[in-house]
Amino acid sequence: VLASLTLGGYDASRFVSNNLTITFAPNNERDLVVAIQSITTDKSSSGSNTLLPSSAPIFAYIDSTVPQIWLPRSVCQAFEAAFGLIYDNATDLYLVNNTLHQSLVTRNASVKFTLGASLNGGQTVDITLPYAAFDLQASPPYRGLANSTAYFPLRRAANDTQYTLGRTFLQEAYLAVDWERANFNVSQCNWVDGVQQHLIAIPAFNSTTNGTGGAL
């Protein structure tokens, strides 16, 4: 499916609508920040479906320039247990051999991210990624690899400034940003075949508006 980019508005046919509106974070270099309230999976080999406990929510930056998802080490270890992943210290990647790859494809587990504007409570939205979103290939010379190999696009973050939802996440999420009002919305992608394009313009901010928006 081709990506979608709309300047000055958004394509309402491309996502499942929700009421979550998030204000920009204070840091201009990491402004599109969401609260990850929980991460769960429907099929886990460890017996636990919880990958990020609701008692340990985090903030993460949505960044289309980064391919992977960067999460705390403890969360990565929960992914390891749930999916049988093995961390490769030489490349800092979760490389997936043929046996594990076939097992993961057959299991076809999904991962659900519950996002909000704050770490606890309030309006939330669920973004569900099928295993296909994580079934990626890494090729030389990336990370010193000698051969192309399947890998699971999860990276261990050193600290909270690295918590990031990259392009892996954006395969299944639609991002609508109102730069003038400094707010945004993130929604689950809509994969209904043949749906008609529905472009909606975001009105320009002016002195007669109060800046609280409603454009998204």
N, C-alpha and C. Protein backbone atom coordinates (compact mmCIF):
# COMPACT_ATOMS: atom_id res chain seq x y z
N VAL A 1 0.85 -1.18 0.00
CA VAL A 1 0.00 0.00 0.00
C VAL A 1 0.89 1.23 0.00
N LEU A 2 0.58 2.19 -0.88
CA LEU A 2 1.37 3.40 -0.96
C LEU A 2 1.16 4.26 0.27
N ALA A 3 2.20 5.00 0.65
CA ALA A 3 2.09 5.92 1.76
C ALA A 3 1.20 7.09 1.37
N SER A 4 0.76 7.86 2.36
CA SER A 4 -0.12 9.00 2.11
C SER A 4 0.47 10.24 2.75
N LEU A 5 0.59 11.30 1.98
CA LEU A 5 1.07 12.59 2.50
C LEU A 5 0.15 13.68 2.00
N THR A 6 -0.46 14.41 2.92
CA THR A 6 -1.36 15.51 2.58
C THR A 6 -0.83 16.78 3.25
N LEU A 7 -0.59 17.82 2.47
CA LEU A 7 -0.13 19.09 3.01
C LEU A 7 -1.32 20.03 3.17
N GLY A 8 -1.47 20.60 4.36
CA GLY A 8 -2.56 21.53 4.61
C GLY A 8 -3.83 20.87 5.10
N GLY A 9 -3.78 19.57 5.35
CA GLY A 9 -4.96 18.87 5.82
C GLY A 9 -4.66 17.40 6.04
N TYR A 10 -5.67 16.56 5.88
CA TYR A 10 -5.48 15.12 6.07
C TYR A 10 -6.53 14.37 5.26
N ASP A 11 -6.28 13.09 5.04
CA ASP A 11 -7.19 12.23 4.29
C ASP A 11 -7.96 11.36 5.27
N ALA A 12 -9.20 11.74 5.55
CA ALA A 12 -10.00 11.05 6.56
C ALA A 12 -10.35 9.62 6.16
N SER A 13 -10.14 9.25 4.90
CA SER A 13 -10.44 7.89 4.48
C SER A 13 -9.34 6.91 4.87
N ARG A 14 -8.19 7.44 5.31
CA ARG A 14 -7.04 6.59 5.56
C ARG A 14 -6.90 6.12 7.00
N PHE A 15 -7.80 6.54 7.90
CA PHE A 15 -7.65 6.16 9.30
C PHE A 15 -8.99 5.97 9.98
N VAL A 16 -8.97 5.31 11.14
CA VAL A 16 -10.15 5.13 11.98
C VAL A 16 -10.21 6.30 12.94
N SER A 17 -11.23 7.11 12.84
CA SER A 17 -11.32 8.36 13.60
C SER A 17 -11.38 8.11 15.10
N ASN A 18 -10.78 9.02 15.87
CA ASN A 18 -10.86 8.99 17.33
C ASN A 18 -10.81 10.43 17.83
N ASN A 19 -11.02 10.62 19.13
CA ASN A 19 -11.12 11.96 19.72
C ASN A 19 -9.86 12.41 20.44
N LEU A 20 -8.75 11.71 20.23
CA LEU A 20 -7.52 12.05 20.94
C LEU A 20 -6.78 13.19 20.24
N THR A 21 -6.57 14.29 20.94
CA THR A 21 -5.76 15.40 20.45
C THR A 21 -4.65 15.66 21.46
N ILE A 22 -3.41 15.71 20.97
CA ILE A 22 -2.25 15.85 21.85
C ILE A 22 -1.54 17.16 21.54
N THR A 23 -1.20 17.91 22.57
CA THR A 23 -0.47 19.15 22.42
C THR A 23 1.02 18.86 22.26
N PHE A 24 1.70 19.67 21.43
CA PHE A 24 3.14 19.49 21.22
C PHE A 24 3.89 19.51 22.56
N ALA A 25 4.95 18.72 22.64
CA ALA A 25 5.86 18.77 23.78
C ALA A 25 6.69 20.06 23.71
N PRO A 26 7.23 20.53 24.83
CA PRO A 26 7.97 21.79 24.85
C PRO A 26 9.24 21.79 24.00
N ASN A 27 9.87 20.62 23.82
CA ASN A 27 11.12 20.52 23.07
C ASN A 27 10.80 20.53 21.57
N ASN A 28 11.24 21.59 20.87
CA ASN A 28 10.96 21.71 19.44
C ASN A 28 11.56 20.58 18.61
N GLU A 29 12.63 19.95 19.11
CA GLU A 29 13.27 18.87 18.38
C GLU A 29 12.59 17.53 18.63
N ARG A 30 11.76 17.45 19.65
CA ARG A 30 10.97 16.25 19.95
C ARG A 30 9.57 16.71 20.35
N ASP A 31 8.83 17.22 19.34
CA ASP A 31 7.54 17.82 19.63
C ASP A 31 6.37 16.84 19.56
N LEU A 32 6.44 15.86 18.68
CA LEU A 32 5.34 14.91 18.50
C LEU A 32 5.51 13.75 19.49
N VAL A 33 5.24 14.03 20.74
CA VAL A 33 5.45 13.07 21.83
C VAL A 33 4.11 12.54 22.32
N VAL A 34 4.01 11.22 22.42
CA VAL A 34 2.81 10.57 22.93
C VAL A 34 3.16 9.79 24.20
N ALA A 35 2.16 9.56 25.01
CA ALA A 35 2.32 8.70 26.17
C ALA A 35 1.94 7.28 25.78
N ILE A 36 2.87 6.34 25.95
CA ILE A 36 2.55 4.93 25.74
C ILE A 36 2.08 4.39 27.09
N GLN A 37 0.78 4.17 27.22
CA GLN A 37 0.24 3.73 28.50
C GLN A 37 0.38 2.22 28.69
N SER A 38 0.36 1.47 27.60
CA SER A 38 0.56 0.03 27.70
C SER A 38 0.91 -0.53 26.33
N ILE A 39 1.58 -1.70 26.35
CA ILE A 39 1.86 -2.46 25.14
C ILE A 39 1.51 -3.91 25.46
N THR A 40 0.69 -4.52 24.63
CA THR A 40 0.29 -5.90 24.86
C THR A 40 0.37 -6.68 23.56
N THR A 41 0.39 -8.01 23.67
CA THR A 41 0.37 -8.88 22.51
C THR A 41 -0.69 -9.94 22.71
N ASP A 42 -1.26 -10.42 21.61
CA ASP A 42 -2.33 -11.41 21.72
C ASP A 42 -1.80 -12.83 21.79
N LYS A 43 -0.55 -13.05 21.40
CA LYS A 43 0.00 -14.41 21.39
C LYS A 43 1.44 -14.34 21.87
N SER A 44 1.68 -14.81 23.08
CA SER A 44 3.01 -14.73 23.68
C SER A 44 3.51 -16.11 24.03
N SER A 45 4.79 -16.36 23.75
CA SER A 45 5.38 -17.66 24.12
C SER A 45 5.79 -17.70 25.58
N SER A 46 5.77 -16.53 26.25
CA SER A 46 6.21 -16.48 27.65
C SER A 46 5.07 -16.68 28.63
N GLY A 47 3.83 -16.65 28.14
CA GLY A 47 2.68 -16.77 29.02
C GLY A 47 2.15 -15.43 29.48
N SER A 48 2.92 -14.36 29.30
CA SER A 48 2.47 -13.02 29.67
C SER A 48 2.23 -12.20 28.41
N ASN A 49 1.06 -11.60 28.34
CA ASN A 49 0.72 -10.78 27.18
C ASN A 49 1.09 -9.32 27.37
N THR A 50 1.58 -8.97 28.55
CA THR A 50 1.92 -7.58 28.85
C THR A 50 3.39 -7.32 28.54
N LEU A 51 3.64 -6.36 27.65
CA LEU A 51 5.01 -6.01 27.27
C LEU A 51 5.45 -4.71 27.94
N LEU A 52 4.51 -3.83 28.22
CA LEU A 52 4.76 -2.62 29.01
C LEU A 52 3.65 -2.54 30.04
N PRO A 53 3.96 -2.78 31.30
CA PRO A 53 2.91 -2.76 32.33
C PRO A 53 2.23 -1.40 32.40
N SER A 54 0.94 -1.39 32.71
CA SER A 54 0.22 -0.13 32.85
C SER A 54 0.77 0.71 34.00
N SER A 55 1.54 0.07 34.89
CA SER A 55 2.14 0.79 36.02
C SER A 55 3.46 1.46 35.63
N ALA A 56 3.92 1.23 34.37
CA ALA A 56 5.21 1.80 33.94
C ALA A 56 5.09 2.47 32.59
N PRO A 57 4.15 3.43 32.44
CA PRO A 57 3.99 4.11 31.14
C PRO A 57 5.19 5.00 30.83
N ILE A 58 5.37 5.32 29.55
CA ILE A 58 6.50 6.15 29.13
C ILE A 58 6.03 7.14 28.06
N PHE A 59 6.81 8.19 27.87
CA PHE A 59 6.60 9.10 26.74
C PHE A 59 7.55 8.69 25.61
N ALA A 60 7.08 8.78 24.36
CA ALA A 60 7.91 8.44 23.21
C ALA A 60 7.66 9.43 22.08
N TYR A 61 8.70 9.67 21.30
CA TYR A 61 8.64 10.61 20.18
C TYR A 61 8.29 9.86 18.90
N ILE A 62 7.35 10.39 18.12
CA ILE A 62 7.01 9.80 16.83
C ILE A 62 7.92 10.43 15.78
N ASP A 63 8.76 9.60 15.13
CA ASP A 63 9.79 10.12 14.23
C ASP A 63 9.88 9.26 12.97
N SER A 64 9.49 9.83 11.83
CA SER A 64 9.50 9.09 10.58
C SER A 64 10.90 8.92 10.01
N THR A 65 11.91 9.59 10.56
CA THR A 65 13.28 9.44 10.07
C THR A 65 13.99 8.25 10.69
N VAL A 66 13.37 7.61 11.67
CA VAL A 66 13.96 6.47 12.36
C VAL A 66 13.19 5.21 11.95
N PRO A 67 13.86 4.15 11.53
CA PRO A 67 13.14 2.96 11.07
C PRO A 67 12.52 2.11 12.18
N GLN A 68 13.20 2.03 13.32
CA GLN A 68 12.77 1.07 14.34
C GLN A 68 11.93 1.73 15.43
N ILE A 69 11.58 0.89 16.41
CA ILE A 69 10.93 1.34 17.64
C ILE A 69 11.96 1.21 18.76
N TRP A 70 12.23 2.31 19.45
CA TRP A 70 13.21 2.34 20.53
C TRP A 70 12.48 2.38 21.87
N LEU A 71 12.73 1.38 22.72
CA LEU A 71 12.03 1.26 24.00
C LEU A 71 13.01 0.92 25.11
N PRO A 72 12.60 1.08 26.38
CA PRO A 72 13.49 0.74 27.50
C PRO A 72 13.95 -0.71 27.43
N ARG A 73 15.13 -0.97 28.01
CA ARG A 73 15.68 -2.32 27.99
C ARG A 73 14.71 -3.33 28.59
N SER A 74 14.04 -2.97 29.69
CA SER A 74 13.11 -3.89 30.34
C SER A 74 11.96 -4.27 29.41
N VAL A 75 11.50 -3.32 28.60
CA VAL A 75 10.42 -3.60 27.65
C VAL A 75 10.95 -4.49 26.52
N CYS A 76 12.16 -4.21 26.06
CA CYS A 76 12.77 -5.06 25.03
C CYS A 76 12.91 -6.49 25.53
N GLN A 77 13.26 -6.65 26.79
CA GLN A 77 13.39 -8.00 27.36
C GLN A 77 12.04 -8.70 27.42
N ALA A 78 10.97 -7.94 27.64
CA ALA A 78 9.62 -8.53 27.60
C ALA A 78 9.28 -9.00 26.19
N PHE A 79 9.69 -8.22 25.17
CA PHE A 79 9.52 -8.64 23.78
C PHE A 79 10.33 -9.92 23.51
N GLU A 80 11.55 -9.97 24.04
CA GLU A 80 12.40 -11.15 23.86
C GLU A 80 11.69 -12.40 24.37
N ALA A 81 11.13 -12.30 25.58
CA ALA A 81 10.44 -13.45 26.17
C ALA A 81 9.19 -13.82 25.40
N ALA A 82 8.47 -12.82 24.91
CA ALA A 82 7.20 -13.07 24.23
C ALA A 82 7.38 -13.67 22.85
N PHE A 83 8.48 -13.29 22.16
CA PHE A 83 8.65 -13.70 20.77
C PHE A 83 9.89 -14.56 20.52
N GLY A 84 10.62 -14.88 21.57
CA GLY A 84 11.80 -15.72 21.40
C GLY A 84 12.95 -14.99 20.72
N LEU A 85 13.00 -13.68 20.83
CA LEU A 85 14.03 -12.88 20.17
C LEU A 85 15.37 -13.02 20.88
N ILE A 86 16.44 -12.94 20.09
CA ILE A 86 17.81 -13.01 20.64
C ILE A 86 18.56 -11.76 20.20
N TYR A 87 19.10 -11.04 21.18
CA TYR A 87 19.81 -9.80 20.90
C TYR A 87 21.22 -10.10 20.41
N ASP A 88 21.59 -9.49 19.28
CA ASP A 88 22.92 -9.69 18.71
C ASP A 88 23.82 -8.53 19.13
N ASN A 89 24.77 -8.79 20.01
CA ASN A 89 25.61 -7.74 20.56
C ASN A 89 26.52 -7.10 19.51
N ALA A 90 26.86 -7.83 18.46
CA ALA A 90 27.76 -7.29 17.44
C ALA A 90 27.09 -6.20 16.62
N THR A 91 25.79 -6.34 16.36
CA THR A 91 25.07 -5.38 15.52
C THR A 91 24.07 -4.53 16.30
N ASP A 92 23.82 -4.90 17.57
CA ASP A 92 22.78 -4.24 18.38
C ASP A 92 21.40 -4.37 17.72
N LEU A 93 21.18 -5.51 17.06
CA LEU A 93 19.90 -5.78 16.42
C LEU A 93 19.33 -7.11 16.92
N TYR A 94 18.02 -7.26 16.76
CA TYR A 94 17.38 -8.55 17.02
C TYR A 94 17.30 -9.29 15.69
N LEU A 95 18.36 -10.03 15.36
CA LEU A 95 18.40 -10.79 14.12
C LEU A 95 17.51 -12.02 14.24
N VAL A 96 16.84 -12.38 13.16
CA VAL A 96 15.88 -13.47 13.17
C VAL A 96 16.32 -14.54 12.18
N ASN A 97 16.68 -15.74 12.68
CA ASN A 97 17.10 -16.81 11.79
C ASN A 97 15.87 -17.45 11.13
N ASN A 98 16.12 -18.36 10.19
CA ASN A 98 15.03 -18.94 9.41
C ASN A 98 14.02 -19.69 10.26
N THR A 99 14.51 -20.42 11.27
CA THR A 99 13.61 -21.20 12.12
C THR A 99 12.68 -20.30 12.91
N LEU A 100 13.27 -19.27 13.55
CA LEU A 100 12.45 -18.33 14.33
C LEU A 100 11.51 -17.54 13.41
N HIS A 101 12.01 -17.19 12.24
CA HIS A 101 11.18 -16.43 11.31
C HIS A 101 9.93 -17.21 10.92
N GLN A 102 10.10 -18.47 10.60
CA GLN A 102 8.96 -19.30 10.22
C GLN A 102 7.99 -19.44 11.38
N SER A 103 8.53 -19.59 12.59
CA SER A 103 7.68 -19.72 13.77
C SER A 103 6.86 -18.45 14.00
N LEU A 104 7.49 -17.28 13.84
CA LEU A 104 6.80 -16.02 14.07
C LEU A 104 5.76 -15.75 12.99
N VAL A 105 6.09 -16.09 11.76
CA VAL A 105 5.12 -15.93 10.67
C VAL A 105 3.89 -16.80 10.91
N THR A 106 4.13 -18.06 11.32
CA THR A 106 3.03 -18.99 11.58
C THR A 106 2.17 -18.51 12.75
N ARG A 107 2.82 -18.03 13.81
CA ARG A 107 2.09 -17.56 14.98
C ARG A 107 1.28 -16.31 14.67
N ASN A 108 1.87 -15.41 13.87
CA ASN A 108 1.20 -14.19 13.41
C ASN A 108 0.61 -13.39 14.56
N ALA A 109 1.42 -13.16 15.57
CA ALA A 109 0.97 -12.37 16.71
C ALA A 109 0.87 -10.90 16.34
N SER A 110 0.07 -10.17 17.07
CA SER A 110 -0.02 -8.72 16.90
C SER A 110 0.39 -8.04 18.20
N VAL A 111 0.77 -6.77 18.07
CA VAL A 111 1.18 -5.98 19.23
C VAL A 111 0.33 -4.72 19.26
N LYS A 112 -0.27 -4.46 20.41
CA LYS A 112 -1.16 -3.29 20.56
C LYS A 112 -0.52 -2.24 21.46
N PHE A 113 -0.39 -1.01 20.91
CA PHE A 113 0.09 0.14 21.67
C PHE A 113 -1.12 0.97 22.08
N THR A 114 -1.28 1.21 23.37
CA THR A 114 -2.33 2.10 23.86
C THR A 114 -1.70 3.45 24.16
N LEU A 115 -2.13 4.49 23.43
CA LEU A 115 -1.50 5.80 23.50
C LEU A 115 -2.47 6.83 24.07
N GLY A 116 -1.89 7.84 24.73
CA GLY A 116 -2.69 8.93 25.25
C GLY A 116 -1.88 10.21 25.29
N ALA A 117 -2.49 11.27 25.79
CA ALA A 117 -1.78 12.53 25.95
C ALA A 117 -1.02 12.57 27.27
N SER A 118 -1.47 11.79 28.25
CA SER A 118 -0.83 11.73 29.56
C SER A 118 -0.50 10.29 29.90
N LEU A 119 0.34 10.11 30.90
CA LEU A 119 0.80 8.77 31.24
C LEU A 119 -0.30 7.88 31.81
N ASN A 120 -1.30 8.50 32.41
CA ASN A 120 -2.39 7.73 33.01
C ASN A 120 -3.73 8.39 32.71
N GLY A 121 -4.72 7.58 32.35
CA GLY A 121 -6.08 8.07 32.16
C GLY A 121 -6.25 8.93 30.93
N GLY A 122 -7.42 9.56 30.85
CA GLY A 122 -7.73 10.42 29.73
C GLY A 122 -8.11 9.64 28.48
N GLN A 123 -8.33 10.37 27.40
CA GLN A 123 -8.66 9.76 26.11
C GLN A 123 -7.47 8.96 25.59
N THR A 124 -7.72 7.78 25.05
CA THR A 124 -6.64 6.94 24.51
C THR A 124 -7.04 6.40 23.14
N VAL A 125 -6.05 5.89 22.43
CA VAL A 125 -6.28 5.22 21.16
C VAL A 125 -5.39 3.99 21.11
N ASP A 126 -5.89 2.92 20.53
CA ASP A 126 -5.12 1.69 20.36
C ASP A 126 -4.61 1.61 18.92
N ILE A 127 -3.31 1.39 18.77
CA ILE A 127 -2.70 1.16 17.46
C ILE A 127 -2.16 -0.27 17.46
N THR A 128 -2.72 -1.12 16.61
CA THR A 128 -2.35 -2.53 16.59
C THR A 128 -1.48 -2.81 15.38
N LEU A 129 -0.32 -3.41 15.63
CA LEU A 129 0.61 -3.79 14.56
C LEU A 129 0.60 -5.30 14.39
N PRO A 130 0.30 -5.81 13.19
CA PRO A 130 0.42 -7.24 12.95
C PRO A 130 1.90 -7.63 12.87
N TYR A 131 2.18 -8.93 12.94
CA TYR A 131 3.59 -9.34 12.87
C TYR A 131 4.24 -8.88 11.58
N ALA A 132 3.47 -8.77 10.50
CA ALA A 132 4.04 -8.35 9.21
C ALA A 132 4.73 -7.00 9.31
N ALA A 133 4.28 -6.14 10.23
CA ALA A 133 4.91 -4.83 10.41
C ALA A 133 6.32 -4.96 11.00
N PHE A 134 6.57 -6.07 11.69
CA PHE A 134 7.88 -6.29 12.31
C PHE A 134 8.78 -7.21 11.47
N ASP A 135 8.24 -7.74 10.38
CA ASP A 135 8.96 -8.73 9.57
C ASP A 135 9.77 -8.00 8.50
N LEU A 136 10.93 -7.48 8.90
CA LEU A 136 11.74 -6.63 8.03
C LEU A 136 13.09 -7.26 7.71
N GLN A 137 13.73 -6.73 6.68
CA GLN A 137 15.05 -7.19 6.24
C GLN A 137 16.09 -6.09 6.45
N ALA A 138 17.25 -6.47 6.94
CA ALA A 138 18.39 -5.56 7.05
C ALA A 138 19.47 -6.03 6.08
N SER A 139 20.07 -5.09 5.36
CA SER A 139 21.05 -5.44 4.33
C SER A 139 22.38 -4.74 4.57
N PRO A 140 23.48 -5.36 4.12
CA PRO A 140 24.80 -4.72 4.22
C PRO A 140 24.81 -3.39 3.47
N PRO A 141 25.55 -2.41 3.97
CA PRO A 141 26.49 -2.49 5.10
C PRO A 141 25.89 -2.06 6.43
N TYR A 142 24.57 -2.05 6.53
CA TYR A 142 23.92 -1.58 7.75
C TYR A 142 24.40 -2.35 8.97
N ARG A 143 24.83 -1.63 10.00
CA ARG A 143 25.28 -2.19 11.27
C ARG A 143 26.37 -3.24 11.10
N GLY A 144 27.14 -3.16 10.00
CA GLY A 144 28.23 -4.08 9.78
C GLY A 144 27.82 -5.46 9.31
N LEU A 145 26.60 -5.60 8.85
CA LEU A 145 26.12 -6.92 8.40
C LEU A 145 26.88 -7.38 7.15
N ALA A 146 27.15 -8.68 7.09
CA ALA A 146 27.81 -9.25 5.91
C ALA A 146 26.79 -9.75 4.90
N ASN A 147 25.58 -10.11 5.37
CA ASN A 147 24.53 -10.63 4.49
C ASN A 147 23.18 -10.04 4.87
N SER A 148 22.27 -10.06 3.90
CA SER A 148 20.91 -9.63 4.21
C SER A 148 20.27 -10.64 5.17
N THR A 149 19.54 -10.12 6.13
CA THR A 149 18.94 -11.01 7.12
C THR A 149 17.65 -10.42 7.65
N ALA A 150 16.74 -11.29 8.05
CA ALA A 150 15.52 -10.81 8.70
C ALA A 150 15.88 -10.29 10.08
N TYR A 151 15.18 -9.25 10.49
CA TYR A 151 15.39 -8.76 11.85
C TYR A 151 14.09 -8.16 12.38
N PHE A 152 14.00 -8.10 13.69
CA PHE A 152 12.84 -7.54 14.38
C PHE A 152 13.20 -6.11 14.75
N PRO A 153 12.49 -5.10 14.22
CA PRO A 153 12.93 -3.70 14.32
C PRO A 153 12.67 -3.06 15.67
N LEU A 154 13.28 -3.64 16.69
CA LEU A 154 13.20 -3.12 18.05
C LEU A 154 14.61 -2.80 18.51
N ARG A 155 14.79 -1.62 19.11
CA ARG A 155 16.12 -1.22 19.59
C ARG A 155 16.05 -0.88 21.07
N ARG A 156 17.15 -1.18 21.78
CA ARG A 156 17.27 -0.86 23.19
C ARG A 156 17.67 0.60 23.37
N ALA A 157 16.83 1.37 24.03
CA ALA A 157 17.14 2.77 24.29
C ALA A 157 18.02 2.90 25.53
N ALA A 158 19.00 3.82 25.45
CA ALA A 158 19.90 4.03 26.58
C ALA A 158 19.22 4.85 27.67
N ASN A 159 18.29 5.74 27.29
CA ASN A 159 17.59 6.58 28.26
C ASN A 159 16.31 7.09 27.62
N ASP A 160 15.55 7.87 28.39
CA ASP A 160 14.23 8.28 27.91
C ASP A 160 14.27 9.25 26.74
N THR A 161 15.41 9.86 26.46
CA THR A 161 15.51 10.75 25.30
C THR A 161 15.53 9.97 23.98
N GLN A 162 15.70 8.63 24.06
CA GLN A 162 15.75 7.80 22.87
C GLN A 162 14.45 7.02 22.63
N TYR A 163 13.49 7.12 23.52
CA TYR A 163 12.23 6.39 23.32
C TYR A 163 11.54 6.94 22.08
N THR A 164 11.39 6.10 21.06
CA THR A 164 10.93 6.57 19.76
C THR A 164 10.03 5.55 19.08
N LEU A 165 8.98 6.04 18.44
CA LEU A 165 8.13 5.23 17.56
C LEU A 165 8.45 5.65 16.14
N GLY A 166 9.19 4.79 15.42
CA GLY A 166 9.65 5.13 14.08
C GLY A 166 8.75 4.60 12.99
N ARG A 167 9.35 4.39 11.80
CA ARG A 167 8.55 4.01 10.64
C ARG A 167 7.89 2.64 10.79
N THR A 168 8.45 1.76 11.59
CA THR A 168 7.78 0.49 11.86
C THR A 168 6.39 0.74 12.42
N PHE A 169 6.30 1.64 13.37
CA PHE A 169 5.02 2.01 13.97
C PHE A 169 4.12 2.71 12.95
N LEU A 170 4.70 3.60 12.15
CA LEU A 170 3.91 4.40 11.22
C LEU A 170 3.38 3.60 10.03
N GLN A 171 3.79 2.33 9.89
CA GLN A 171 3.16 1.48 8.88
C GLN A 171 1.68 1.28 9.18
N GLU A 172 1.32 1.34 10.47
CA GLU A 172 -0.05 1.05 10.88
C GLU A 172 -0.74 2.24 11.54
N ALA A 173 -0.07 3.41 11.57
CA ALA A 173 -0.64 4.59 12.22
C ALA A 173 -0.69 5.76 11.25
N TYR A 174 -1.73 6.57 11.37
CA TYR A 174 -1.88 7.77 10.56
C TYR A 174 -1.68 8.97 11.47
N LEU A 175 -0.82 9.87 11.07
CA LEU A 175 -0.45 11.03 11.87
C LEU A 175 -0.99 12.30 11.19
N ALA A 176 -1.79 13.06 11.91
CA ALA A 176 -2.31 14.34 11.41
C ALA A 176 -1.84 15.44 12.34
N VAL A 177 -1.14 16.43 11.79
CA VAL A 177 -0.49 17.46 12.61
C VAL A 177 -0.99 18.85 12.22
N ASP A 178 -1.40 19.61 13.22
CA ASP A 178 -1.78 21.02 13.03
C ASP A 178 -0.64 21.86 13.61
N TRP A 179 0.28 22.25 12.75
CA TRP A 179 1.50 22.92 13.22
C TRP A 179 1.20 24.29 13.81
N GLU A 180 0.23 25.01 13.25
CA GLU A 180 -0.06 26.35 13.76
C GLU A 180 -0.66 26.32 15.17
N ARG A 181 -1.51 25.35 15.43
CA ARG A 181 -2.13 25.24 16.75
C ARG A 181 -1.32 24.34 17.69
N ALA A 182 -0.23 23.77 17.17
CA ALA A 182 0.69 22.96 17.98
C ALA A 182 -0.02 21.77 18.63
N ASN A 183 -0.80 21.03 17.82
CA ASN A 183 -1.38 19.79 18.33
C ASN A 183 -1.44 18.75 17.21
N PHE A 184 -1.67 17.52 17.57
CA PHE A 184 -1.71 16.45 16.57
C PHE A 184 -2.59 15.31 17.04
N ASN A 185 -2.90 14.44 16.08
CA ASN A 185 -3.69 13.25 16.35
C ASN A 185 -2.99 12.05 15.72
N VAL A 186 -3.07 10.91 16.38
CA VAL A 186 -2.55 9.67 15.81
C VAL A 186 -3.68 8.65 15.84
N SER A 187 -3.85 7.92 14.72
CA SER A 187 -4.98 7.02 14.57
C SER A 187 -4.54 5.71 13.92
N GLN A 188 -5.36 4.68 14.11
CA GLN A 188 -5.13 3.41 13.44
C GLN A 188 -5.41 3.55 11.95
N CYS A 189 -4.52 3.04 11.12
CA CYS A 189 -4.75 3.08 9.67
C CYS A 189 -5.99 2.29 9.30
N ASN A 190 -6.67 2.73 8.27
CA ASN A 190 -7.83 2.05 7.72
C ASN A 190 -7.41 1.34 6.43
N TRP A 191 -7.54 0.01 6.41
CA TRP A 191 -7.08 -0.76 5.26
C TRP A 191 -8.23 -1.27 4.40
N VAL A 192 -9.38 -0.60 4.42
CA VAL A 192 -10.51 -1.01 3.59
C VAL A 192 -10.17 -0.75 2.12
N ASP A 193 -10.24 -1.78 1.31
CA ASP A 193 -9.92 -1.64 -0.11
C ASP A 193 -10.95 -0.77 -0.84
N GLY A 194 -10.46 0.06 -1.74
CA GLY A 194 -11.34 0.82 -2.60
C GLY A 194 -12.04 1.99 -1.96
N VAL A 195 -11.65 2.36 -0.73
CA VAL A 195 -12.32 3.48 -0.07
C VAL A 195 -12.00 4.78 -0.82
N GLN A 196 -12.98 5.66 -0.94
CA GLN A 196 -12.81 6.90 -1.68
C GLN A 196 -12.03 7.92 -0.85
N GLN A 197 -11.09 8.60 -1.47
CA GLN A 197 -10.29 9.62 -0.80
C GLN A 197 -11.20 10.72 -0.24
N HIS A 198 -10.90 11.15 0.99
CA HIS A 198 -11.71 12.19 1.64
C HIS A 198 -10.76 13.21 2.27
N LEU A 199 -10.35 14.19 1.48
CA LEU A 199 -9.41 15.20 1.95
C LEU A 199 -10.14 16.29 2.74
N ILE A 200 -9.59 16.60 3.91
CA ILE A 200 -10.15 17.65 4.76
C ILE A 200 -9.05 18.66 5.06
N ALA A 201 -9.32 19.94 4.78
CA ALA A 201 -8.33 20.99 5.03
C ALA A 201 -8.33 21.36 6.51
N ILE A 202 -7.15 21.67 7.04
CA ILE A 202 -7.02 22.22 8.38
C ILE A 202 -7.06 23.74 8.25
N PRO A 203 -8.06 24.42 8.82
CA PRO A 203 -8.17 25.87 8.65
C PRO A 203 -6.93 26.59 9.19
N ALA A 204 -6.53 27.64 8.51
CA ALA A 204 -5.39 28.44 8.97
C ALA A 204 -5.73 29.13 10.27
N PHE A 205 -4.74 29.22 11.15
CA PHE A 205 -4.92 29.93 12.41
C PHE A 205 -4.89 31.42 12.14
N ASN A 206 -5.78 32.16 12.80
CA ASN A 206 -5.74 33.62 12.67
C ASN A 206 -6.13 34.26 14.00
N SER A 207 -6.08 35.56 14.05
CA SER A 207 -6.26 36.26 15.32
C SER A 207 -7.66 36.14 15.87
N THR A 208 -8.63 35.70 15.07
CA THR A 208 -10.00 35.60 15.55
C THR A 208 -10.31 34.23 16.14
N THR A 209 -9.35 33.29 16.02
CA THR A 209 -9.56 31.96 16.60
C THR A 209 -8.86 31.90 17.94
N ASN A 210 -9.31 30.99 18.77
CA ASN A 210 -8.72 30.91 20.11
C ASN A 210 -7.58 29.94 20.22
N GLY A 211 -7.25 29.25 19.12
CA GLY A 211 -6.09 28.38 19.13
C GLY A 211 -6.34 27.01 19.71
N THR A 212 -7.56 26.76 20.23
CA THR A 212 -7.83 25.45 20.78
C THR A 212 -8.18 24.45 19.71
N GLY A 213 -8.46 24.95 18.53
CA GLY A 213 -8.57 24.08 17.37
C GLY A 213 -9.86 23.30 17.30
N GLY A 214 -9.71 21.99 17.11
CA GLY A 214 -10.81 21.16 16.71
C GLY A 214 -10.64 20.79 15.25
N ALA A 215 -9.53 21.25 14.67
CA ALA A 215 -9.25 20.97 13.26
C ALA A 215 -8.98 19.51 13.02
N LEU A 216 -8.45 18.82 14.02
CA LEU A 216 -8.17 17.41 13.82
C LEU A 216 -9.33 16.57 14.35
